[in-house]
Structure formats: structure tokens, C-alpha cells
Amino acid sequence: RIFADAGVDIHIVKFGGVGTGSDEINDYYFNVAKALGARAITREVPAPKDFDTIGPRCAKFADKHGVFVAFHNHTQINSTTYDGSLLGYSQNLRINFDIGHYVAASVGDPIDFVRKYHDRIFSIHLKDRTTKEHGQKNLAFGQGDTPLKPLFDVIKANGWDYPCDIELEYAIPQGSDACKEVGICNGYCERLIVG
């Protein structure tokens, strides 16, 4: 309620161990998420060898509590990772797509990925990274290879409604701070959306 009264919408929280450990700890994670008003818990995409153990465990608690589990990627996924069994255990298993990390992995067109999985994406992490060919760097928005404008265009054109979260991972310039930089990133994104 304190966050809501301050205008802060907590749509997702992170518990890295969700789907592992005891039933009690998993129930705790989901109860905390609900108390915060979150609609999803995010965790890292497991290794493919663990899909058929982590997937059913996450589905069990997501279904029980009515809170999504959204799998977040770094550079370990490709355009077919989610074609396997992982999301098949429940409609409450979703994707927390990190477009910048996907670009850095250089495994396909991230806009094609969004089109392909649009009905399973819960949220999108925004950052501007470069491809493998350009060193996989985290850069200020507008300086990397991440196709942010095409991303916003495809979301807008299709009427999809995803929370898109700025994830500040580039080096903060001297004389600035994280709050200022997030504001700059937000302004950059707003200009792309409107323009």
C-alpha cells in the first residue's frame, strides 16, 4: 500500500531460487510477491537439462498462487529455447525478455522473437547492448545495437501491453547518478514511442 500510494507499481519481483527448495520457501516467495502487489516473479532461465524439473515446480506454485513465473534471459537463450517443454507446464509460466542481452548473444532478430512469443511475454527489460561482433557492450541508450524503436513500434502496432523496464547496466558517467541516467533513458524511450 505504501508503494501504491507513492505511485509505484510493483509488477514483478525477483526470487532467484523460485522453483527450487522446499514447498515452504516457495510459498513464502509467492506470498511476498502477492503482498507487494506483484503479478509475477522472475527468475533466470534454467539450463535446458533442468527444464523438466524447474518447469513443473514453478508451474505448481504459479498455479496455486495465481502469480506468473517469468523467465529472464541473459545471453544463454536463442530463438528456439522456449519451443521446448519449459513453458508448457502452465499458462502461468511466462517470459521476462531481456532484449539487450538477446542482442548481445547475437542469436537472431529480437523483434522476430517478440512476434513469435508475444502471447507468452510478461515483461521486457530494456537496455542498449552491442552484438558479439561489436563487443557485447552495455552502452547508453541510442549508442548500442538494440533495436528499441522497432520494439516499441511492433508493440504499439499490435496493441500489446507489456511492462517495459529500464535496466541500467552501462557505466554511469562522472557527474551523474543512477536516478539521472534512468531519467535520460526514459526520455529517450518516450521520444522513440511518440516519434
C-alpha atoms as a PDB file:
ATOM      1  CA  ARG A   1       0.000   0.000   0.000  1.00  0.00           C
ATOM      2  CA  ILE A   2       2.899   2.374   0.752  1.00  0.00           C
ATOM      3  CA  PHE A   3       4.336   1.818  -2.724  1.00  0.00           C
ATOM      4  CA  ALA A   4       0.918   2.129  -4.390  1.00  0.00           C
ATOM      5  CA  ASP A   5       0.198   5.361  -2.516  1.00  0.00           C
ATOM      6  CA  ALA A   6       3.528   6.716  -3.824  1.00  0.00           C
ATOM      7  CA  GLY A   7       2.570   5.787  -7.406  1.00  0.00           C
ATOM      8  CA  VAL A   8       4.981   2.856  -7.627  1.00  0.00           C
ATOM      9  CA  ASP A   9       3.586  -0.189  -9.432  1.00  0.00           C
ATOM     10  CA  ILE A  10       5.444  -3.343  -8.436  1.00  0.00           C
ATOM     11  CA  HIS A  11       4.506  -5.657 -11.274  1.00  0.00           C
ATOM     12  CA  ILE A  12       7.375  -8.143 -10.867  1.00  0.00           C
ATOM     13  CA  VAL A  13       9.825  -9.228  -8.140  1.00  0.00           C
ATOM     14  CA  LYS A  14      12.880 -11.435  -8.269  1.00  0.00           C
ATOM     15  CA  PHE A  15      13.496 -14.564  -6.229  1.00  0.00           C
ATOM     16  CA  GLY A  16      16.298 -16.454  -7.929  1.00  0.00           C
ATOM     17  CA  GLY A  17      15.507 -19.738  -6.222  1.00  0.00           C
ATOM     18  CA  VAL A  18      11.826 -19.939  -7.132  1.00  0.00           C
ATOM     19  CA  GLY A  19      11.051 -23.470  -8.262  1.00  0.00           C
ATOM     20  CA  THR A  20      13.828 -24.957  -6.141  1.00  0.00           C
ATOM     21  CA  GLY A  21      13.973 -25.638  -2.431  1.00  0.00           C
ATOM     22  CA  SER A  22      11.152 -26.587  -0.105  1.00  0.00           C
ATOM     23  CA  ASP A  23       7.451 -26.025  -0.618  1.00  0.00           C
ATOM     24  CA  GLU A  24       7.526 -23.667   2.365  1.00  0.00           C
ATOM     25  CA  ILE A  25      10.149 -21.370   0.846  1.00  0.00           C
ATOM     26  CA  ASN A  26       8.318 -21.295  -2.480  1.00  0.00           C
ATOM     27  CA  ASP A  27       5.022 -20.466  -0.762  1.00  0.00           C
ATOM     28  CA  TYR A  28       6.897 -17.681   1.051  1.00  0.00           C
ATOM     29  CA  TYR A  29       8.198 -16.235  -2.251  1.00  0.00           C
ATOM     30  CA  PHE A  30       4.709 -16.162  -3.735  1.00  0.00           C
ATOM     31  CA  ASN A  31       3.121 -14.730  -0.594  1.00  0.00           C
ATOM     32  CA  VAL A  32       5.677 -11.907  -0.560  1.00  0.00           C
ATOM     33  CA  ALA A  33       5.015 -11.242  -4.262  1.00  0.00           C
ATOM     34  CA  LYS A  34       1.285 -11.018  -3.605  1.00  0.00           C
ATOM     35  CA  ALA A  35       1.795  -8.769  -0.564  1.00  0.00           C
ATOM     36  CA  LEU A  36       3.789  -6.399  -2.804  1.00  0.00           C
ATOM     37  CA  GLY A  37       1.058  -6.455  -5.442  1.00  0.00           C
ATOM     38  CA  ALA A  38       3.328  -8.133  -7.992  1.00  0.00           C
ATOM     39  CA  ARG A  39       1.731 -10.099 -10.800  1.00  0.00           C
ATOM     40  CA  ALA A  40       4.894 -12.112 -11.497  1.00  0.00           C
ATOM     41  CA  ILE A  41       8.094 -13.458 -10.011  1.00  0.00           C
ATOM     42  CA  THR A  42      11.136 -13.510 -12.259  1.00  0.00           C
ATOM     43  CA  ARG A  43      13.988 -15.965 -12.187  1.00  0.00           C
ATOM     44  CA  GLU A  44      16.791 -16.923 -14.546  1.00  0.00           C
ATOM     45  CA  VAL A  45      16.044 -19.323 -17.396  1.00  0.00           C
ATOM     46  CA  PRO A  46      17.279 -22.701 -16.129  1.00  0.00           C
ATOM     47  CA  ALA A  47      19.696 -24.841 -18.090  1.00  0.00           C
ATOM     48  CA  PRO A  48      17.835 -26.987 -20.647  1.00  0.00           C
ATOM     49  CA  LYS A  49      18.704 -30.131 -18.640  1.00  0.00           C
ATOM     50  CA  ASP A  50      16.653 -28.645 -15.768  1.00  0.00           C
ATOM     51  CA  PHE A  51      13.563 -27.617 -17.760  1.00  0.00           C
ATOM     52  CA  ASP A  52      11.639 -30.720 -16.734  1.00  0.00           C
ATOM     53  CA  THR A  53      12.362 -30.288 -13.035  1.00  0.00           C
ATOM     54  CA  ILE A  54      12.219 -26.476 -12.654  1.00  0.00           C
ATOM     55  CA  GLY A  55       9.273 -26.066 -15.052  1.00  0.00           C
ATOM     56  CA  PRO A  56       6.809 -28.293 -13.145  1.00  0.00           C
ATOM     57  CA  ARG A  57       7.896 -26.879  -9.763  1.00  0.00           C
ATOM     58  CA  CYS A  58       7.410 -23.295 -10.924  1.00  0.00           C
ATOM     59  CA  ALA A  59       4.072 -24.223 -12.510  1.00  0.00           C
ATOM     60  CA  LYS A  60       2.858 -25.840  -9.283  1.00  0.00           C
ATOM     61  CA  PHE A  61       3.321 -22.654  -7.257  1.00  0.00           C
ATOM     62  CA  ALA A  62       2.355 -20.225 -10.022  1.00  0.00           C
ATOM     63  CA  ASP A  63      -0.941 -22.081 -10.453  1.00  0.00           C
ATOM     64  CA  LYS A  64      -1.525 -22.380  -6.707  1.00  0.00           C
ATOM     65  CA  HIS A  65      -0.970 -18.672  -6.032  1.00  0.00           C
ATOM     66  CA  GLY A  66      -2.198 -17.149  -9.310  1.00  0.00           C
ATOM     67  CA  VAL A  67       1.120 -15.345  -9.854  1.00  0.00           C
ATOM     68  CA  PHE A  68       3.168 -15.769 -13.030  1.00  0.00           C
ATOM     69  CA  VAL A  69       6.742 -17.012 -13.084  1.00  0.00           C
ATOM     70  CA  ALA A  70       8.563 -15.099 -15.832  1.00  0.00           C
ATOM     71  CA  PHE A  71      11.893 -16.489 -17.006  1.00  0.00           C
ATOM     72  CA  HIS A  72      14.613 -13.883 -17.536  1.00  0.00           C
ATOM     73  CA  ASN A  73      17.407 -14.393 -20.038  1.00  0.00           C
ATOM     74  CA  HIS A  74      20.964 -13.286 -20.188  1.00  0.00           C
ATOM     75  CA  THR A  75      22.913 -14.458 -23.241  1.00  0.00           C
ATOM     76  CA  GLN A  76      22.140 -18.157 -22.785  1.00  0.00           C
ATOM     77  CA  ILE A  77      18.956 -18.365 -24.888  1.00  0.00           C
ATOM     78  CA  ASN A  78      18.321 -18.481 -28.600  1.00  0.00           C
ATOM     79  CA  SER A  79      15.324 -18.200 -30.902  1.00  0.00           C
ATOM     80  CA  THR A  80      14.084 -21.713 -30.028  1.00  0.00           C
ATOM     81  CA  THR A  81      14.801 -22.001 -26.280  1.00  0.00           C
ATOM     82  CA  TYR A  82      11.126 -21.616 -25.401  1.00  0.00           C
ATOM     83  CA  ASP A  83       9.996 -24.089 -28.064  1.00  0.00           C
ATOM     84  CA  GLY A  84      10.873 -26.896 -25.633  1.00  0.00           C
ATOM     85  CA  SER A  85       8.988 -28.027 -22.579  1.00  0.00           C
ATOM     86  CA  LEU A  86       9.696 -25.154 -20.170  1.00  0.00           C
ATOM     87  CA  LEU A  87       6.616 -23.005 -20.810  1.00  0.00           C
ATOM     88  CA  GLY A  88       4.401 -25.997 -21.497  1.00  0.00           C
ATOM     89  CA  TYR A  89       3.731 -26.831 -17.866  1.00  0.00           C
ATOM     90  CA  SER A  90       1.352 -23.925 -17.287  1.00  0.00           C
ATOM     91  CA  GLN A  91      -0.072 -20.791 -18.855  1.00  0.00           C
ATOM     92  CA  ASN A  92       1.255 -19.096 -15.719  1.00  0.00           C
ATOM     93  CA  LEU A  93       4.838 -19.598 -16.933  1.00  0.00           C
ATOM     94  CA  ARG A  94       5.940 -16.604 -18.963  1.00  0.00           C
ATOM     95  CA  ILE A  95       8.952 -14.775 -20.377  1.00  0.00           C
ATOM     96  CA  ASN A  96      10.695 -11.746 -18.865  1.00  0.00           C
ATOM     97  CA  PHE A  97      12.501 -10.941 -22.115  1.00  0.00           C
ATOM     98  CA  ASP A  98      15.763  -9.031 -21.876  1.00  0.00           C
ATOM     99  CA  ILE A  99      16.166  -7.599 -25.365  1.00  0.00           C
ATOM    100  CA  GLY A 100      19.646  -6.179 -24.702  1.00  0.00           C
ATOM    101  CA  HIS A 101      21.095  -9.489 -23.583  1.00  0.00           C
ATOM    102  CA  TYR A 102      19.438 -11.184 -26.563  1.00  0.00           C
ATOM    103  CA  VAL A 103      21.143  -8.683 -28.896  1.00  0.00           C
ATOM    104  CA  ALA A 104      24.487  -9.333 -27.172  1.00  0.00           C
ATOM    105  CA  ALA A 105      24.023 -13.086 -27.667  1.00  0.00           C
ATOM    106  CA  SER A 106      23.647 -12.432 -31.436  1.00  0.00           C
ATOM    107  CA  VAL A 107      21.314 -15.410 -31.897  1.00  0.00           C
ATOM    108  CA  GLY A 108      18.603 -13.862 -34.045  1.00  0.00           C
ATOM    109  CA  ASP A 109      16.357 -10.885 -34.569  1.00  0.00           C
ATOM    110  CA  PRO A 110      14.859  -9.838 -31.220  1.00  0.00           C
ATOM    111  CA  ILE A 111      11.799  -8.368 -32.954  1.00  0.00           C
ATOM    112  CA  ASP A 112      11.104 -11.774 -34.529  1.00  0.00           C
ATOM    113  CA  PHE A 113      11.453 -13.252 -31.022  1.00  0.00           C
ATOM    114  CA  VAL A 114       8.865 -10.825 -29.645  1.00  0.00           C
ATOM    115  CA  ARG A 115       6.471 -11.578 -32.508  1.00  0.00           C
ATOM    116  CA  LYS A 116       6.911 -15.323 -32.024  1.00  0.00           C
ATOM    117  CA  TYR A 117       6.347 -15.341 -28.255  1.00  0.00           C
ATOM    118  CA  HIS A 118       4.153 -12.252 -27.889  1.00  0.00           C
ATOM    119  CA  ASP A 119       1.428 -14.194 -26.085  1.00  0.00           C
ATOM    120  CA  ARG A 120       3.875 -15.600 -23.503  1.00  0.00           C
ATOM    121  CA  ILE A 121       5.865 -12.446 -22.746  1.00  0.00           C
ATOM    122  CA  PHE A 122       5.056 -10.888 -19.385  1.00  0.00           C
ATOM    123  CA  SER A 123       7.559  -8.021 -19.450  1.00  0.00           C
ATOM    124  CA  ILE A 124      10.611  -6.720 -21.273  1.00  0.00           C
ATOM    125  CA  HIS A 125      13.899  -5.466 -19.850  1.00  0.00           C
ATOM    126  CA  LEU A 126      15.291  -2.550 -21.825  1.00  0.00           C
ATOM    127  CA  LYS A 127      18.968  -1.834 -22.243  1.00  0.00           C
ATOM    128  CA  ASP A 128      21.188  -0.956 -25.202  1.00  0.00           C
ATOM    129  CA  ARG A 129      23.870  -3.545 -25.852  1.00  0.00           C
ATOM    130  CA  THR A 130      26.075  -4.301 -28.793  1.00  0.00           C
ATOM    131  CA  THR A 131      26.267  -7.576 -30.680  1.00  0.00           C
ATOM    132  CA  LYS A 132      29.110 -10.091 -30.351  1.00  0.00           C
ATOM    133  CA  GLU A 133      30.677  -8.517 -33.421  1.00  0.00           C
ATOM    134  CA  HIS A 134      30.755  -5.164 -31.590  1.00  0.00           C
ATOM    135  CA  GLY A 135      31.987  -6.498 -28.244  1.00  0.00           C
ATOM    136  CA  GLN A 136      28.738  -7.164 -26.324  1.00  0.00           C
ATOM    137  CA  LYS A 137      28.993  -3.809 -24.536  1.00  0.00           C
ATOM    138  CA  ASN A 138      26.380  -2.148 -22.317  1.00  0.00           C
ATOM    139  CA  LEU A 139      26.033   1.413 -23.607  1.00  0.00           C
ATOM    140  CA  ALA A 140      23.910   4.484 -23.006  1.00  0.00           C
ATOM    141  CA  PHE A 141      20.584   4.268 -24.830  1.00  0.00           C
ATOM    142  CA  GLY A 142      20.981   5.138 -28.501  1.00  0.00           C
ATOM    143  CA  GLN A 143      24.630   4.061 -28.711  1.00  0.00           C
ATOM    144  CA  GLY A 144      24.260   0.285 -28.986  1.00  0.00           C
ATOM    145  CA  ASP A 145      22.737  -2.204 -31.417  1.00  0.00           C
ATOM    146  CA  THR A 146      19.449  -2.906 -29.596  1.00  0.00           C
ATOM    147  CA  PRO A 147      16.501  -2.098 -31.894  1.00  0.00           C
ATOM    148  CA  LEU A 148      14.440  -0.190 -29.336  1.00  0.00           C
ATOM    149  CA  LYS A 149      12.374   1.816 -31.838  1.00  0.00           C
ATOM    150  CA  PRO A 150      11.353  -1.300 -33.825  1.00  0.00           C
ATOM    151  CA  LEU A 151      10.488  -2.956 -30.496  1.00  0.00           C
ATOM    152  CA  PHE A 152       8.185  -0.111 -29.472  1.00  0.00           C
ATOM    153  CA  ASP A 153       6.734   0.035 -32.987  1.00  0.00           C
ATOM    154  CA  VAL A 154       5.778  -3.663 -33.027  1.00  0.00           C
ATOM    155  CA  ILE A 155       4.317  -3.463 -29.522  1.00  0.00           C
ATOM    156  CA  LYS A 156       2.289  -0.385 -30.443  1.00  0.00           C
ATOM    157  CA  ALA A 157       1.163  -1.741 -33.833  1.00  0.00           C
ATOM    158  CA  ASN A 158      -0.173  -4.921 -32.243  1.00  0.00           C
ATOM    159  CA  GLY A 159      -1.684  -3.348 -29.138  1.00  0.00           C
ATOM    160  CA  TRP A 160       0.409  -5.488 -26.815  1.00  0.00           C
ATOM    161  CA  ASP A 161       0.634  -4.258 -23.254  1.00  0.00           C
ATOM    162  CA  TYR A 162       3.932  -5.242 -21.642  1.00  0.00           C
ATOM    163  CA  PRO A 163       5.671  -3.514 -18.785  1.00  0.00           C
ATOM    164  CA  CYS A 164       8.997  -2.394 -20.262  1.00  0.00           C
ATOM    165  CA  ASP A 165      11.564  -1.860 -17.524  1.00  0.00           C
ATOM    166  CA  ILE A 166      14.725   0.180 -17.957  1.00  0.00           C
ATOM    167  CA  GLU A 167      17.610  -1.873 -16.603  1.00  0.00           C
ATOM    168  CA  LEU A 168      20.536   0.458 -16.031  1.00  0.00           C
ATOM    169  CA  GLU A 169      23.693  -1.528 -16.691  1.00  0.00           C
ATOM    170  CA  TYR A 170      26.021   0.857 -18.511  1.00  0.00           C
ATOM    171  CA  ALA A 171      28.738   2.766 -16.667  1.00  0.00           C
ATOM    172  CA  ILE A 172      27.293   5.896 -15.085  1.00  0.00           C
ATOM    173  CA  PRO A 173      29.156   8.956 -16.402  1.00  0.00           C
ATOM    174  CA  GLN A 174      31.107  11.093 -13.967  1.00  0.00           C
ATOM    175  CA  GLY A 175      28.898  13.823 -12.556  1.00  0.00           C
ATOM    176  CA  SER A 176      25.716  11.822 -12.990  1.00  0.00           C
ATOM    177  CA  ASP A 177      23.941   9.213 -10.891  1.00  0.00           C
ATOM    178  CA  ALA A 178      21.598   6.272 -11.410  1.00  0.00           C
ATOM    179  CA  CYS A 179      18.428   8.349 -10.980  1.00  0.00           C
ATOM    180  CA  LYS A 180      19.544  10.910 -13.568  1.00  0.00           C
ATOM    181  CA  GLU A 181      20.561   8.183 -16.013  1.00  0.00           C
ATOM    182  CA  VAL A 182      17.254   6.323 -15.682  1.00  0.00           C
ATOM    183  CA  GLY A 183      15.519   9.626 -16.411  1.00  0.00           C
ATOM    184  CA  ILE A 184      17.662  10.071 -19.528  1.00  0.00           C
ATOM    185  CA  CYS A 185      16.877   6.505 -20.642  1.00  0.00           C
ATOM    186  CA  ASN A 186      13.174   7.065 -20.001  1.00  0.00           C
ATOM    187  CA  GLY A 187      13.205  10.265 -22.037  1.00  0.00           C
ATOM    188  CA  TYR A 188      14.983   8.512 -24.890  1.00  0.00           C
ATOM    189  CA  CYS A 189      12.363   5.743 -24.908  1.00  0.00           C
ATOM    190  CA  GLU A 190       9.487   8.225 -24.754  1.00  0.00           C
ATOM    191  CA  ARG A 191      10.862  10.030 -27.812  1.00  0.00           C
ATOM    192  CA  LEU A 192      11.059   6.727 -29.717  1.00  0.00           C
ATOM    193  CA  ILE A 193       7.499   5.800 -28.753  1.00  0.00           C
ATOM    194  CA  VAL A 194       5.990   9.167 -29.629  1.00  0.00           C
ATOM    195  CA  GLY A 195       8.118   9.800 -32.733  1.00  0.00           C
END
